[in-house]
PDB file of N, CA and C in Angstrom:
ATOM      1  N   MET A   1       0.812  -1.189   0.000  1.00  0.00           N
ATOM      2  CA  MET A   1       0.000   0.000   0.000  1.00  0.00           C
ATOM      3  C   MET A   1       0.856   1.253   0.000  1.00  0.00           C
ATOM      4  N   TRP A   2       1.907   1.276   0.784  1.00  0.00           N
ATOM      5  CA  TRP A   2       2.752   2.473   0.871  1.00  0.00           C
ATOM      6  C   TRP A   2       3.439   2.762  -0.449  1.00  0.00           C
ATOM      7  N   ARG A   3       3.731   1.716  -1.215  1.00  0.00           N
ATOM      8  CA  ARG A   3       4.363   1.929  -2.521  1.00  0.00           C
ATOM      9  C   ARG A   3       3.442   2.715  -3.444  1.00  0.00           C
ATOM     10  N   LEU A   4       2.172   2.448  -3.352  1.00  0.00           N
ATOM     11  CA  LEU A   4       1.212   3.173  -4.187  1.00  0.00           C
ATOM     12  C   LEU A   4       1.154   4.649  -3.814  1.00  0.00           C
ATOM     13  N   LEU A   5       1.294   4.937  -2.538  1.00  0.00           N
ATOM     14  CA  LEU A   5       1.262   6.341  -2.114  1.00  0.00           C
ATOM     15  C   LEU A   5       2.479   7.108  -2.609  1.00  0.00           C
ATOM     16  N   TRP A   6       3.601   6.429  -2.751  1.00  0.00           N
ATOM     17  CA  TRP A   6       4.806   7.106  -3.236  1.00  0.00           C
ATOM     18  C   TRP A   6       4.647   7.581  -4.672  1.00  0.00           C
ATOM     19  N   VAL A   7       3.766   6.947  -5.416  1.00  0.00           N
ATOM     20  CA  VAL A   7       3.530   7.349  -6.800  1.00  0.00           C
ATOM     21  C   VAL A   7       2.949   8.758  -6.850  1.00  0.00           C
ATOM     22  N   PHE A   8       2.154   9.110  -5.856  1.00  0.00           N
ATOM     23  CA  PHE A   8       1.464  10.390  -5.872  1.00  0.00           C
ATOM     24  C   PHE A   8       2.166  11.478  -5.072  1.00  0.00           C
ATOM     25  N   VAL A   9       3.321  11.188  -4.509  1.00  0.00           N
ATOM     26  CA  VAL A   9       4.043  12.188  -3.730  1.00  0.00           C
ATOM     27  C   VAL A   9       4.373  13.430  -4.549  1.00  0.00           C
ATOM     28  N   PRO A  10       4.830  13.319  -5.801  1.00  0.00           N
ATOM     29  CA  PRO A  10       5.113  14.541  -6.562  1.00  0.00           C
ATOM     30  C   PRO A  10       3.889  15.420  -6.783  1.00  0.00           C
ATOM     31  N   VAL A  11       2.719  14.818  -6.859  1.00  0.00           N
ATOM     32  CA  VAL A  11       1.499  15.610  -7.034  1.00  0.00           C
ATOM     33  C   VAL A  11       1.233  16.449  -5.793  1.00  0.00           C
ATOM     34  N   ALA A  12       1.468  15.873  -4.634  1.00  0.00           N
ATOM     35  CA  ALA A  12       1.148  16.562  -3.395  1.00  0.00           C
ATOM     36  C   ALA A  12       2.325  17.346  -2.840  1.00  0.00           C
ATOM     37  N   ALA A  13       3.453  17.308  -3.479  1.00  0.00           N
ATOM     38  CA  ALA A  13       4.645  17.985  -2.959  1.00  0.00           C
ATOM     39  C   ALA A  13       4.703  19.426  -3.454  1.00  0.00           C
ATOM     40  N   HIS A  14       3.815  20.240  -2.939  1.00  0.00           N
ATOM     41  CA  HIS A  14       3.771  21.649  -3.294  1.00  0.00           C
ATOM     42  C   HIS A  14       4.216  22.478  -2.096  1.00  0.00           C
ATOM     43  N   ALA A  15       4.615  23.713  -2.356  1.00  0.00           N
ATOM     44  CA  ALA A  15       5.118  24.564  -1.286  1.00  0.00           C
ATOM     45  C   ALA A  15       4.017  24.912  -0.292  1.00  0.00           C
ATOM     46  N   ASP A  16       2.829  25.251  -0.774  1.00  0.00           N
ATOM     47  CA  ASP A  16       1.718  25.530   0.125  1.00  0.00           C
ATOM     48  C   ASP A  16       0.389  25.310  -0.596  1.00  0.00           C
ATOM     49  N   MET A  17      -0.693  25.468   0.134  1.00  0.00           N
ATOM     50  CA  MET A  17      -2.009  25.171  -0.403  1.00  0.00           C
ATOM     51  C   MET A  17      -2.409  26.112  -1.534  1.00  0.00           C
ATOM     52  N   SER A  18      -1.862  27.305  -1.564  1.00  0.00           N
ATOM     53  CA  SER A  18      -2.223  28.252  -2.615  1.00  0.00           C
ATOM     54  C   SER A  18      -1.753  27.773  -3.994  1.00  0.00           C
ATOM     55  N   GLU A  19      -0.705  26.961  -4.028  1.00  0.00           N
ATOM     56  CA  GLU A  19      -0.247  26.419  -5.303  1.00  0.00           C
ATOM     57  C   GLU A  19      -1.234  25.403  -5.865  1.00  0.00           C
ATOM     58  N   CYS A  20      -2.026  24.802  -5.012  1.00  0.00           N
ATOM     59  CA  CYS A  20      -3.042  23.860  -5.486  1.00  0.00           C
ATOM     60  C   CYS A  20      -4.059  24.580  -6.366  1.00  0.00           C
ATOM     61  N   MET A  21      -4.310  25.823  -6.079  1.00  0.00           N
ATOM     62  CA  MET A  21      -5.305  26.581  -6.842  1.00  0.00           C
ATOM     63  C   MET A  21      -4.858  26.828  -8.282  1.00  0.00           C
ATOM     64  N   ASN A  22      -3.560  26.752  -8.540  1.00  0.00           N
ATOM     65  CA  ASN A  22      -3.021  27.006  -9.874  1.00  0.00           C
ATOM     66  C   ASN A  22      -3.019  25.776 -10.776  1.00  0.00           C
ATOM     67  N   ILE A  23      -3.388  24.617 -10.250  1.00  0.00           N
ATOM     68  CA  ILE A  23      -3.384  23.378 -11.024  1.00  0.00           C
ATOM     69  C   ILE A  23      -4.644  23.344 -11.890  1.00  0.00           C
ATOM     70  N   ALA A  24      -4.453  23.135 -13.190  1.00  0.00           N
ATOM     71  CA  ALA A  24      -5.586  23.155 -14.129  1.00  0.00           C
ATOM     72  C   ALA A  24      -6.435  21.891 -14.041  1.00  0.00           C
ATOM     73  N   ASP A  25      -5.812  20.723 -13.911  1.00  0.00           N
ATOM     74  CA  ASP A  25      -6.551  19.453 -13.841  1.00  0.00           C
ATOM     75  C   ASP A  25      -7.293  19.385 -12.503  1.00  0.00           C
ATOM     76  N   GLN A  26      -8.617  19.284 -12.559  1.00  0.00           N
ATOM     77  CA  GLN A  26      -9.435  19.288 -11.347  1.00  0.00           C
ATOM     78  C   GLN A  26      -9.143  18.091 -10.439  1.00  0.00           C
ATOM     79  N   ASN A  27      -8.864  16.929 -11.011  1.00  0.00           N
ATOM     80  CA  ASN A  27      -8.549  15.756 -10.189  1.00  0.00           C
ATOM     81  C   ASN A  27      -7.276  15.986  -9.386  1.00  0.00           C
ATOM     82  N   LYS A  28      -6.233  16.484 -10.032  1.00  0.00           N
ATOM     83  CA  LYS A  28      -4.971  16.751  -9.342  1.00  0.00           C
ATOM     84  C   LYS A  28      -5.116  17.887  -8.342  1.00  0.00           C
ATOM     85  N   LYS A  29      -5.917  18.877  -8.705  1.00  0.00           N
ATOM     86  CA  LYS A  29      -6.156  20.010  -7.809  1.00  0.00           C
ATOM     87  C   LYS A  29      -6.845  19.540  -6.522  1.00  0.00           C
ATOM     88  N   ASN A  30      -7.876  18.725  -6.655  1.00  0.00           N
ATOM     89  CA  ASN A  30      -8.588  18.219  -5.482  1.00  0.00           C
ATOM     90  C   ASN A  30      -7.721  17.286  -4.651  1.00  0.00           C
ATOM     91  N   TYR A  31      -6.872  16.495  -5.306  1.00  0.00           N
ATOM     92  CA  TYR A  31      -5.946  15.633  -4.576  1.00  0.00           C
ATOM     93  C   TYR A  31      -4.966  16.485  -3.757  1.00  0.00           C
ATOM     94  N   CYS A  32      -4.462  17.532  -4.379  1.00  0.00           N
ATOM     95  CA  CYS A  32      -3.537  18.438  -3.705  1.00  0.00           C
ATOM     96  C   CYS A  32      -4.207  19.088  -2.496  1.00  0.00           C
ATOM     97  N   MET A  33      -5.440  19.567  -2.686  1.00  0.00           N
ATOM     98  CA  MET A  33      -6.172  20.207  -1.591  1.00  0.00           C
ATOM     99  C   MET A  33      -6.424  19.209  -0.450  1.00  0.00           C
ATOM    100  N   ALA A  34      -6.743  17.976  -0.795  1.00  0.00           N
ATOM    101  CA  ALA A  34      -6.977  16.948   0.225  1.00  0.00           C
ATOM    102  C   ALA A  34      -5.692  16.632   0.978  1.00  0.00           C
ATOM    103  N   SER A  35      -4.565  16.675   0.273  1.00  0.00           N
ATOM    104  CA  SER A  35      -3.298  16.358   0.938  1.00  0.00           C
ATOM    105  C   SER A  35      -2.936  17.421   1.980  1.00  0.00           C
ATOM    106  N   TYR A  36      -3.337  18.648   1.763  1.00  0.00           N
ATOM    107  CA  TYR A  36      -3.071  19.703   2.749  1.00  0.00           C
ATOM    108  C   TYR A  36      -4.117  19.757   3.838  1.00  0.00           C
ATOM    109  N   SER A  37      -5.383  19.609   3.479  1.00  0.00           N
ATOM    110  CA  SER A  37      -6.453  19.754   4.469  1.00  0.00           C
ATOM    111  C   SER A  37      -6.658  18.489   5.290  1.00  0.00           C
ATOM    112  N   GLY A  38      -6.295  17.340   4.721  1.00  0.00           N
ATOM    113  CA  GLY A  38      -6.529  16.078   5.418  1.00  0.00           C
ATOM    114  C   GLY A  38      -8.016  15.745   5.457  1.00  0.00           C
ATOM    115  N   SER A  39      -8.767  16.309   4.518  1.00  0.00           N
ATOM    116  CA  SER A  39     -10.210  16.128   4.472  1.00  0.00           C
ATOM    117  C   SER A  39     -10.602  15.313   3.242  1.00  0.00           C
ATOM    118  N   ALA A  40     -11.494  14.372   3.450  1.00  0.00           N
ATOM    119  CA  ALA A  40     -11.964  13.538   2.341  1.00  0.00           C
ATOM    120  C   ALA A  40     -12.978  14.268   1.469  1.00  0.00           C
ATOM    121  N   ALA A  41     -13.409  15.450   1.867  1.00  0.00           N
ATOM    122  CA  ALA A  41     -14.372  16.213   1.066  1.00  0.00           C
ATOM    123  C   ALA A  41     -13.806  16.516  -0.319  1.00  0.00           C
ATOM    124  N   PHE A  42     -12.506  16.813  -0.389  1.00  0.00           N
ATOM    125  CA  PHE A  42     -11.881  17.074  -1.685  1.00  0.00           C
ATOM    126  C   PHE A  42     -11.740  15.790  -2.496  1.00  0.00           C
ATOM    127  N   CYS A  43     -11.539  14.672  -1.816  1.00  0.00           N
ATOM    128  CA  CYS A  43     -11.433  13.386  -2.518  1.00  0.00           C
ATOM    129  C   CYS A  43     -12.747  13.030  -3.203  1.00  0.00           C
ATOM    130  N   ASP A  44     -13.858  13.398  -2.589  1.00  0.00           N
ATOM    131  CA  ASP A  44     -15.163  13.104  -3.169  1.00  0.00           C
ATOM    132  C   ASP A  44     -15.380  13.815  -4.499  1.00  0.00           C
ATOM    133  N   LYS A  45     -14.662  14.891  -4.742  1.00  0.00           N
ATOM    134  CA  LYS A  45     -14.817  15.665  -5.973  1.00  0.00           C
ATOM    135  C   LYS A  45     -14.009  15.096  -7.141  1.00  0.00           C
ATOM    136  N   ILE A  46     -13.158  14.117  -6.875  1.00  0.00           N
ATOM    137  CA  ILE A  46     -12.328  13.510  -7.916  1.00  0.00           C
ATOM    138  C   ILE A  46     -13.177  12.547  -8.728  1.00  0.00           C
ATOM    139  N   LYS A  47     -13.145  12.685 -10.043  1.00  0.00           N
ATOM    140  CA  LYS A  47     -13.998  11.880 -10.926  1.00  0.00           C
ATOM    141  C   LYS A  47     -13.450  10.473 -11.169  1.00  0.00           C
ATOM    142  N   SER A  48     -12.133  10.320 -11.246  1.00  0.00           N
ATOM    143  CA  SER A  48     -11.520   9.021 -11.487  1.00  0.00           C
ATOM    144  C   SER A  48     -11.632   8.152 -10.237  1.00  0.00           C
ATOM    145  N   TYR A  49     -12.225   6.966 -10.397  1.00  0.00           N
ATOM    146  CA  TYR A  49     -12.418   6.073  -9.258  1.00  0.00           C
ATOM    147  C   TYR A  49     -11.090   5.687  -8.605  1.00  0.00           C
ATOM    148  N   GLU A  50     -10.105   5.302  -9.414  1.00  0.00           N
ATOM    149  CA  GLU A  50      -8.811   4.880  -8.871  1.00  0.00           C
ATOM    150  C   GLU A  50      -8.110   6.029  -8.145  1.00  0.00           C
ATOM    151  N   TYR A  51      -8.159   7.205  -8.736  1.00  0.00           N
ATOM    152  CA  TYR A  51      -7.502   8.375  -8.138  1.00  0.00           C
ATOM    153  C   TYR A  51      -8.214   8.783  -6.849  1.00  0.00           C
ATOM    154  N   ARG A  52      -9.555   8.685  -6.846  1.00  0.00           N
ATOM    155  CA  ARG A  52     -10.336   9.020  -5.649  1.00  0.00           C
ATOM    156  C   ARG A  52     -10.025   8.030  -4.529  1.00  0.00           C
ATOM    157  N   THR A  53      -9.893   6.737  -4.892  1.00  0.00           N
ATOM    158  CA  THR A  53      -9.567   5.720  -3.889  1.00  0.00           C
ATOM    159  C   THR A  53      -8.201   5.981  -3.272  1.00  0.00           C
ATOM    160  N   GLN A  54      -7.217   6.331  -4.105  1.00  0.00           N
ATOM    161  CA  GLN A  54      -5.886   6.646  -3.589  1.00  0.00           C
ATOM    162  C   GLN A  54      -5.934   7.857  -2.664  1.00  0.00           C
ATOM    163  N   CYS A  55      -6.730   8.835  -3.039  1.00  0.00           N
ATOM    164  CA  CYS A  55      -6.878  10.040  -2.227  1.00  0.00           C
ATOM    165  C   CYS A  55      -7.471   9.697  -0.860  1.00  0.00           C
ATOM    166  N   MET A  56      -8.518   8.886  -0.863  1.00  0.00           N
ATOM    167  CA  MET A  56      -9.155   8.481   0.397  1.00  0.00           C
ATOM    168  C   MET A  56      -8.173   7.729   1.294  1.00  0.00           C
ATOM    169  N   ARG A  57      -7.392   6.847   0.699  1.00  0.00           N
ATOM    170  CA  ARG A  57      -6.399   6.100   1.489  1.00  0.00           C
ATOM    171  C   ARG A  57      -5.351   7.037   2.074  1.00  0.00           C
ATOM    172  N   MET A  58      -4.937   8.033   1.294  1.00  0.00           N
ATOM    173  CA  MET A  58      -3.945   8.995   1.764  1.00  0.00           C
ATOM    174  C   MET A  58      -4.505   9.806   2.934  1.00  0.00           C
ATOM    175  N   VAL A  59      -5.752  10.249   2.816  1.00  0.00           N
ATOM    176  CA  VAL A  59      -6.376  11.051   3.875  1.00  0.00           C
ATOM    177  C   VAL A  59      -6.551  10.216   5.143  1.00  0.00           C
ATOM    178  N   ILE A  60      -7.004   8.980   4.995  1.00  0.00           N
ATOM    179  CA  ILE A  60      -7.177   8.109   6.156  1.00  0.00           C
ATOM    180  C   ILE A  60      -5.845   7.858   6.847  1.00  0.00           C
ATOM    181  N   ALA A  61      -4.791   7.636   6.068  1.00  0.00           N
ATOM    182  CA  ALA A  61      -3.461   7.419   6.656  1.00  0.00           C
ATOM    183  C   ALA A  61      -2.997   8.662   7.416  1.00  0.00           C
ATOM    184  N   LYS A  62      -3.244   9.840   6.855  1.00  0.00           N
ATOM    185  CA  LYS A  62      -2.856  11.081   7.537  1.00  0.00           C
ATOM    186  C   LYS A  62      -3.650  11.266   8.829  1.00  0.00           C
ATOM    187  N   GLN A  63      -4.952  10.978   8.788  1.00  0.00           N
ATOM    188  CA  GLN A  63      -5.778  11.126   9.977  1.00  0.00           C
ATOM    189  C   GLN A  63      -5.368  10.144  11.065  1.00  0.00           C
ATOM    190  N   ARG A  64      -5.057   8.917  10.669  1.00  0.00           N
ATOM    191  CA  ARG A  64      -4.611   7.925  11.658  1.00  0.00           C
ATOM    192  C   ARG A  64      -3.281   8.324  12.266  1.00  0.00           C
ATOM    193  N   GLU A  65      -2.385   8.815  11.429  1.00  0.00           N
ATOM    194  CA  GLU A  65      -1.078   9.243  11.921  1.00  0.00           C
ATOM    195  C   GLU A  65      -1.228  10.368  12.942  1.00  0.00           C
ATOM    196  N   ALA A  66      -2.121  11.301  12.656  1.00  0.00           N
ATOM    197  CA  ALA A  66      -2.334  12.427  13.569  1.00  0.00           C
ATOM    198  C   ALA A  66      -3.043  11.983  14.848  1.00  0.00           C
ATOM    199  N   ALA A  67      -3.983  11.052  14.731  1.00  0.00           N
ATOM    200  CA  ALA A  67      -4.769  10.628  15.887  1.00  0.00           C
ATOM    201  C   ALA A  67      -3.991   9.720  16.835  1.00  0.00           C
ATOM    202  N   TYR A  68      -3.170   8.842  16.279  1.00  0.00           N
ATOM    203  CA  TYR A  68      -2.507   7.842  17.105  1.00  0.00           C
ATOM    204  C   TYR A  68      -1.046   8.149  17.399  1.00  0.00           C
ATOM    205  N   GLN A  69      -0.615   9.317  17.034  1.00  0.00           N
ATOM    206  CA  GLN A  69       0.783   9.672  17.278  1.00  0.00           C
ATOM    207  C   GLN A  69       0.964   9.926  18.771  1.00  0.00           C
ATOM    208  N   THR A  70       1.920   9.247  19.349  1.00  0.00           N
ATOM    209  CA  THR A  70       2.164   9.428  20.774  1.00  0.00           C
ATOM    210  C   THR A  70       3.104  10.606  20.986  1.00  0.00           C
ATOM    211  N   PRO A  71       2.798  11.429  21.967  1.00  0.00           N
ATOM    212  CA  PRO A  71       3.682  12.569  22.221  1.00  0.00           C
ATOM    213  C   PRO A  71       5.039  12.094  22.737  1.00  0.00           C
ATOM    214  N   LYS A  72       6.072  12.782  22.334  1.00  0.00           N
ATOM    215  CA  LYS A  72       7.408  12.405  22.774  1.00  0.00           C
ATOM    216  C   LYS A  72       7.613  12.873  24.212  1.00  0.00           C
ATOM    217  N   GLN A  73       8.167  11.981  24.990  1.00  0.00           N
ATOM    218  CA  GLN A  73       8.446  12.298  26.388  1.00  0.00           C
ATOM    219  C   GLN A  73       9.727  13.115  26.475  1.00  0.00           C
ATOM    220  N   PRO A  74       9.744  14.128  27.322  1.00  0.00           N
ATOM    221  CA  PRO A  74      10.982  14.895  27.473  1.00  0.00           C
ATOM    222  C   PRO A  74      12.054  14.011  28.111  1.00  0.00           C
ATOM    223  N   LYS A  75      13.279  14.230  27.665  1.00  0.00           N
ATOM    224  CA  LYS A  75      14.377  13.427  28.228  1.00  0.00           C
ATOM    225  C   LYS A  75      14.644  13.859  29.641  1.00  0.00           C
ATOM    226  N   LYS A  76      14.835  12.856  30.493  1.00  0.00           N
ATOM    227  CA  LYS A  76      15.141  13.135  31.896  1.00  0.00           C
ATOM    228  C   LYS A  76      16.647  13.296  32.041  1.00  0.00           C
ATOM    229  N   GLU A  77      17.009  14.322  32.734  1.00  0.00           N
ATOM    230  CA  GLU A  77      18.429  14.523  32.982  1.00  0.00           C
ATOM    231  C   GLU A  77      18.846  13.605  34.139  1.00  0.00           C
ATOM    232  N   PRO A  78      20.033  13.015  34.021  1.00  0.00           N
ATOM    233  CA  PRO A  78      20.482  12.132  35.104  1.00  0.00           C
ATOM    234  C   PRO A  78      20.720  12.925  36.397  1.00  0.00           C
ATOM    235  N   THR A  79      20.294  12.357  37.501  1.00  0.00           N
ATOM    236  CA  THR A  79      20.491  13.007  38.805  1.00  0.00           C
ATOM    237  C   THR A  79      21.856  12.609  39.351  1.00  0.00           C
ATOM    238  N   LYS A  80      22.434  13.525  40.034  1.00  0.00           N
ATOM    239  CA  LYS A  80      23.752  13.264  40.611  1.00  0.00           C
ATOM    240  C   LYS A  80      23.693  12.802  42.016  1.00  0.00           C
TER     241      LYS A  80
END
């Protein structure tokens, strides 16, 4: 599954969300917007079934990563 996501990394590798607005292809534009917002609402606007499915998987992976990420514990300094 992760290999499939690497195929779409160049599409989503933009400097910021405003660059998504400059993309002419609506499918790529919505994928880009979904990659920044983490919302499946943009994925629903994609007409290609395969591309929409990839978008949904990407959004779900991002949401899971954000939800289940454990906070890093501060390092304890050794006591003397």
